Protein backbone atom coordinates (compact mmCIF):
# COMPACT_ATOMS: atom_id res chain seq x y z
CA MET A 1 -75.49 -67.84 -74.07
CA GLU A 2 -71.93 -67.08 -75.15
CA LYS A 3 -72.81 -63.39 -75.50
CA LYS A 4 -74.25 -63.28 -71.96
CA LYS A 5 -71.05 -64.82 -70.59
CA LYS A 6 -68.93 -62.17 -72.30
CA ILE A 7 -71.15 -59.39 -70.95
CA LEU A 8 -70.94 -60.88 -67.44
CA ILE A 9 -67.14 -61.16 -67.63
CA LEU A 10 -66.88 -57.57 -68.84
CA PHE A 11 -69.16 -56.39 -66.04
CA LEU A 12 -67.18 -58.24 -63.37
CA THR A 13 -63.92 -56.88 -64.79
CA LEU A 14 -65.22 -53.30 -64.59
CA VAL A 15 -66.44 -53.84 -61.02
CA ALA A 16 -63.02 -55.24 -60.03
CA MET A 17 -61.25 -52.25 -61.61
CA ILE A 18 -63.50 -49.77 -59.78
CA LEU A 19 -63.04 -51.54 -56.45
CA ASN A 20 -59.28 -51.71 -56.95
CA TYR A 21 -59.18 -47.97 -57.73
CA LYS A 22 -61.24 -47.13 -54.63
CA ILE A 23 -59.07 -49.32 -52.39
CA SER A 24 -55.86 -47.83 -53.83
CA TYR A 25 -57.27 -44.32 -53.41
CA ALA A 26 -58.19 -45.08 -49.79
CA TYR A 27 -54.70 -46.45 -49.08
CA LYS A 28 -52.98 -43.40 -50.52
CA ASN A 29 -55.14 -41.01 -48.52
CA VAL A 30 -54.17 -42.61 -45.21
CA ASN A 31 -51.38 -40.68 -43.48
CA LEU A 32 -49.28 -43.78 -43.05
CA LEU A 33 -46.55 -42.22 -40.90
CA GLN A 34 -49.13 -40.73 -38.54
CA GLU A 35 -50.90 -44.09 -38.38
CA MET A 36 -47.64 -45.78 -37.39
CA VAL A 37 -46.94 -43.21 -34.67
CA LYS A 38 -50.46 -43.74 -33.31
CA THR A 39 -50.10 -47.53 -33.36
CA ALA A 40 -46.79 -47.37 -31.49
CA GLU A 41 -48.36 -44.98 -28.94
CA GLY A 42 -45.38 -42.72 -29.48
CA GLU A 43 -44.60 -39.02 -29.21
CA ILE A 44 -42.92 -37.25 -32.12
CA VAL A 45 -39.72 -35.47 -31.06
CA GLU A 46 -38.06 -34.68 -34.39
CA SER A 47 -38.84 -34.21 -38.10
CA GLY A 48 -36.14 -34.23 -40.76
CA VAL A 49 -35.86 -33.81 -44.53
CA ARG A 50 -32.89 -34.29 -46.86
CA THR A 51 -32.95 -33.20 -50.47
CA ARG A 52 -30.31 -33.63 -53.14
CA PHE A 53 -30.19 -32.03 -56.58
CA LYS A 54 -27.89 -30.80 -59.34
CA SER A 55 -27.29 -27.15 -60.20
CA SER A 56 -25.53 -25.49 -63.11
CA ARG A 57 -24.50 -22.54 -60.93
CA ASN A 58 -20.95 -22.47 -59.54
CA GLY A 59 -20.14 -23.19 -55.91
CA GLN A 60 -19.39 -19.61 -54.87
CA GLU A 61 -22.61 -18.35 -56.44
CA LEU A 62 -24.67 -21.07 -54.72
CA THR A 63 -23.03 -20.34 -51.37
CA GLU A 64 -23.87 -16.64 -51.62
CA TYR A 65 -27.44 -17.50 -52.66
CA PHE A 66 -28.09 -19.86 -49.73
CA MET A 67 -26.31 -17.60 -47.23
CA ASP A 68 -28.73 -14.84 -48.19
CA LYS A 69 -31.72 -17.18 -47.75
CA VAL A 70 -30.83 -18.58 -44.31
CA ASN A 71 -29.13 -15.59 -42.69
CA TYR A 72 -32.01 -14.27 -40.57
CA LYS A 73 -31.70 -12.06 -37.49
CA ASP A 74 -31.69 -14.85 -34.88
CA THR A 75 -29.98 -17.49 -37.02
CA LYS A 76 -26.44 -18.66 -36.33
CA VAL A 77 -24.75 -19.24 -39.68
CA LYS A 78 -21.32 -20.63 -40.50
CA SER A 79 -19.83 -21.30 -43.94
CA TYR A 80 -16.49 -22.64 -45.11
CA LYS A 81 -14.76 -24.14 -48.14
CA ASN A 82 -12.70 -27.32 -48.36
CA LYS A 83 -10.96 -27.78 -51.72
CA GLU A 84 -13.77 -27.52 -54.32
CA ASN A 85 -16.64 -28.10 -51.88
CA TYR A 86 -18.64 -25.54 -49.90
CA TYR A 87 -20.45 -26.03 -46.59
CA ILE A 88 -23.06 -23.98 -44.74
CA ASN A 89 -24.34 -24.79 -41.23
CA PHE A 90 -27.17 -22.84 -39.62
CA GLU A 91 -29.25 -23.06 -36.47
CA GLU A 92 -32.33 -21.22 -35.27
CA LYS A 93 -35.06 -21.94 -32.66
CA GLY A 94 -34.88 -25.72 -32.54
CA THR A 95 -34.03 -26.09 -36.23
CA LYS A 96 -30.65 -27.11 -37.63
CA GLY A 97 -29.63 -27.03 -41.27
CA PHE A 98 -26.66 -28.36 -43.20
CA ILE A 99 -25.93 -27.52 -46.83
CA THR A 100 -23.17 -29.20 -48.85
CA ILE A 101 -22.22 -28.02 -52.35
CA ALA A 102 -19.97 -30.58 -54.02
CA SER A 103 -18.36 -30.11 -57.44
CA SER A 104 -18.84 -33.03 -59.86
CA LYS A 105 -18.19 -33.20 -63.63
CA GLY A 106 -18.87 -29.56 -64.37
CA GLU A 107 -21.97 -29.39 -62.17
CA ASN A 108 -22.60 -28.94 -58.47
CA ILE A 109 -24.49 -31.46 -56.37
CA VAL A 110 -26.32 -29.75 -53.52
CA THR A 111 -27.41 -31.67 -50.42
CA ILE A 112 -29.62 -29.96 -47.84
CA ASP A 113 -30.48 -31.46 -44.45
CA ILE A 114 -33.08 -29.82 -42.21
CA VAL A 115 -33.67 -31.20 -38.69
CA GLN A 116 -36.43 -29.74 -36.54
CA LYS A 117 -37.17 -30.55 -32.91
CA CYS A 118 -40.95 -30.70 -32.67
CA SER A 119 -43.92 -32.51 -31.15
CA SER A 120 -45.87 -32.98 -34.40
CA ASN A 121 -45.27 -34.09 -37.99
CA GLU A 122 -43.67 -31.06 -39.70
CA LEU A 123 -42.43 -32.87 -42.83
CA ASP A 124 -44.79 -31.15 -45.30
CA GLU A 125 -43.93 -27.71 -43.93
CA ILE A 126 -40.17 -28.36 -44.07
CA LYS A 127 -40.40 -29.75 -47.59
CA SER A 128 -42.46 -26.75 -48.77
CA LYS A 129 -39.84 -24.34 -47.42
CA ILE A 130 -37.04 -26.27 -49.13
CA GLU A 131 -38.96 -26.25 -52.43
CA LEU A 132 -39.47 -22.50 -52.20
CA ILE A 133 -35.80 -21.77 -51.54
CA THR A 134 -34.28 -24.24 -54.00
CA ALA A 135 -36.61 -23.76 -57.01
CA PRO A 136 -34.56 -20.94 -58.64
CA VAL A 137 -31.24 -22.83 -58.50
CA SER A 138 -32.15 -26.50 -58.90
CA HIS A 139 -32.89 -28.93 -61.68
CA LYS A 140 -36.27 -30.66 -61.53
CA ASP A 141 -35.02 -34.13 -60.56
CA LYS A 142 -34.72 -33.66 -56.78
CA GLU A 143 -34.29 -36.59 -54.41
CA TYR A 144 -36.13 -36.41 -51.10
CA TYR A 145 -35.58 -38.39 -47.90
CA GLU A 146 -37.89 -37.75 -44.96
CA TYR A 147 -38.00 -39.11 -41.42
CA LEU A 148 -39.80 -38.84 -38.10
CA LYS A 149 -38.16 -39.66 -34.77
CA VAL A 150 -40.60 -40.86 -32.13
CA ARG A 151 -40.16 -41.46 -28.40
CA LEU A 152 -41.85 -44.71 -27.35
CA PRO A 153 -43.43 -45.90 -24.10
CA ASN A 154 -41.65 -48.66 -22.22
CA LYS A 155 -43.16 -51.51 -24.28
CA ASP A 156 -41.72 -54.66 -25.83
CA LEU A 157 -40.07 -53.68 -29.15
CA ALA A 158 -40.79 -57.06 -30.76
CA SER A 159 -44.51 -56.53 -30.19
CA ILE A 160 -44.38 -52.98 -31.56
CA ASN A 161 -42.48 -54.24 -34.59
CA GLN A 162 -45.21 -56.76 -35.41
CA GLU A 163 -47.96 -54.17 -34.85
CA LEU A 164 -46.28 -51.74 -37.26
CA ILE A 165 -45.81 -54.45 -39.90
CA SER A 166 -49.53 -55.23 -39.59
CA VAL A 167 -50.40 -51.56 -40.13
CA LEU A 168 -48.25 -51.49 -43.26
CA LYS A 169 -49.84 -54.64 -44.68
CA ILE A 170 -53.38 -53.47 -43.89
CA ASN A 171 -52.59 -50.33 -45.88
CA GLY A 172 -51.41 -52.23 -48.93
CA ALA A 173 -47.66 -52.57 -48.30
CA VAL A 174 -45.72 -55.51 -49.75
CA ASN A 175 -42.12 -56.77 -49.60
CA THR A 176 -41.99 -56.38 -45.82
CA SER A 177 -38.64 -57.54 -44.45
CA SER A 178 -37.46 -57.27 -40.85
CA ILE A 179 -34.10 -57.97 -39.20
CA GLU A 180 -33.21 -57.98 -35.53
CA LEU A 181 -30.46 -55.63 -34.37
CA ASN A 182 -28.41 -55.56 -31.16
CA ASN A 183 -30.76 -52.99 -29.67
CA GLY A 184 -33.95 -53.42 -31.67
CA PHE A 185 -35.28 -54.02 -35.19
CA SER A 186 -35.04 -52.62 -38.71
CA THR A 187 -37.88 -53.18 -41.17
CA CYS A 188 -38.35 -52.30 -44.85
CA ALA A 189 -41.51 -52.30 -46.98
CA TYR A 190 -42.89 -51.14 -50.31
CA THR A 191 -45.98 -48.97 -49.74
CA TYR A 192 -46.37 -47.56 -53.29
CA ARG A 193 -46.33 -44.03 -51.82
CA TYR A 194 -42.73 -42.87 -52.27
CA LYS A 195 -39.97 -43.10 -54.84
CA PRO A 196 -38.69 -46.66 -54.35
CA ARG A 197 -35.20 -48.06 -53.85
CA ASN A 198 -33.89 -51.54 -54.57
CA ASN A 199 -33.35 -53.71 -51.49
CA ASN A 200 -31.84 -57.12 -52.25
CA GLY A 201 -33.70 -57.30 -55.55
CA LYS A 202 -37.01 -56.02 -54.15
CA GLN A 203 -38.60 -52.57 -54.20
CA MET A 204 -38.78 -50.60 -50.94
CA ASP A 205 -39.93 -47.08 -50.14
CA LEU A 206 -40.25 -47.11 -46.35
CA ASN A 207 -37.83 -48.09 -43.60
CA PHE A 208 -38.47 -48.01 -39.87
CA ALA A 209 -36.18 -48.81 -36.96
CA LEU A 210 -36.94 -49.57 -33.32
CA SER A 211 -34.10 -48.94 -30.87
CA SER A 212 -33.58 -49.15 -27.15
CA TYR A 213 -31.07 -46.91 -25.33
CA THR A 214 -30.43 -45.93 -21.74
CA SER A 215 -32.27 -42.68 -22.54
CA GLY A 216 -35.38 -44.59 -23.69
CA LYS A 217 -36.93 -46.42 -26.62
CA TYR A 218 -37.33 -44.79 -30.03
CA LEU A 219 -38.93 -45.33 -33.43
CA VAL A 220 -37.46 -43.75 -36.56
CA ILE A 221 -39.56 -43.89 -39.75
CA GLY A 222 -37.83 -42.94 -43.00
CA THR A 223 -38.95 -42.68 -46.61
CA PRO A 224 -37.72 -44.16 -48.85
CA GLU A 225 -35.03 -45.12 -46.33
CA ILE A 226 -33.55 -43.84 -43.07
CA VAL A 227 -30.61 -41.49 -43.68
CA ILE A 228 -29.68 -40.79 -40.04
CA THR A 229 -28.00 -42.99 -37.46
CA TYR A 230 -30.26 -44.89 -35.08
């Protein structure tokens, strides 16, 4: 009898592990950002990626390298130096880029921001281009911040906020926390999909904000947090 109980417990444990794996796999294969845009009935207007990494190359060398990579025929490029830091701004066909090279303790910290006006989620494409350009001059430990800006219909923001929180929870998110702002809401959650940050003692890897302006209502979704003003 005791042996049968042990076999049953082992069997149930294995079943639970398999089910948990399948559920986790299903969660991770849901395009969560796209699901949120769909739920909010919004229209994507902007995709943005920021990456930050260290490089052993000097500032002048990095500036020349990036100038060569972004200086295409129809691209407007501007570079300048302020003390020990270098800056490159470029713009081309709805895309803006900002590169900062800051000297710190014998190394250079490079920050790249790419902002693209678009009507679809272009985050993977932007990130792939950044990876291709930065691979020869960067260390492996890159930080990535991604966001989508979405134009919303004229709906109640409190209702949209609750709908988006529900989508997150259905897809396995925990540590959801929402605060009301003067013109909307800001919500954080831990979805287990992105590199997390600490938020008041809890893990978070997704942040979304709902805002209302005279120009309309907007949703900004950022991972692991929003790095633009909203």
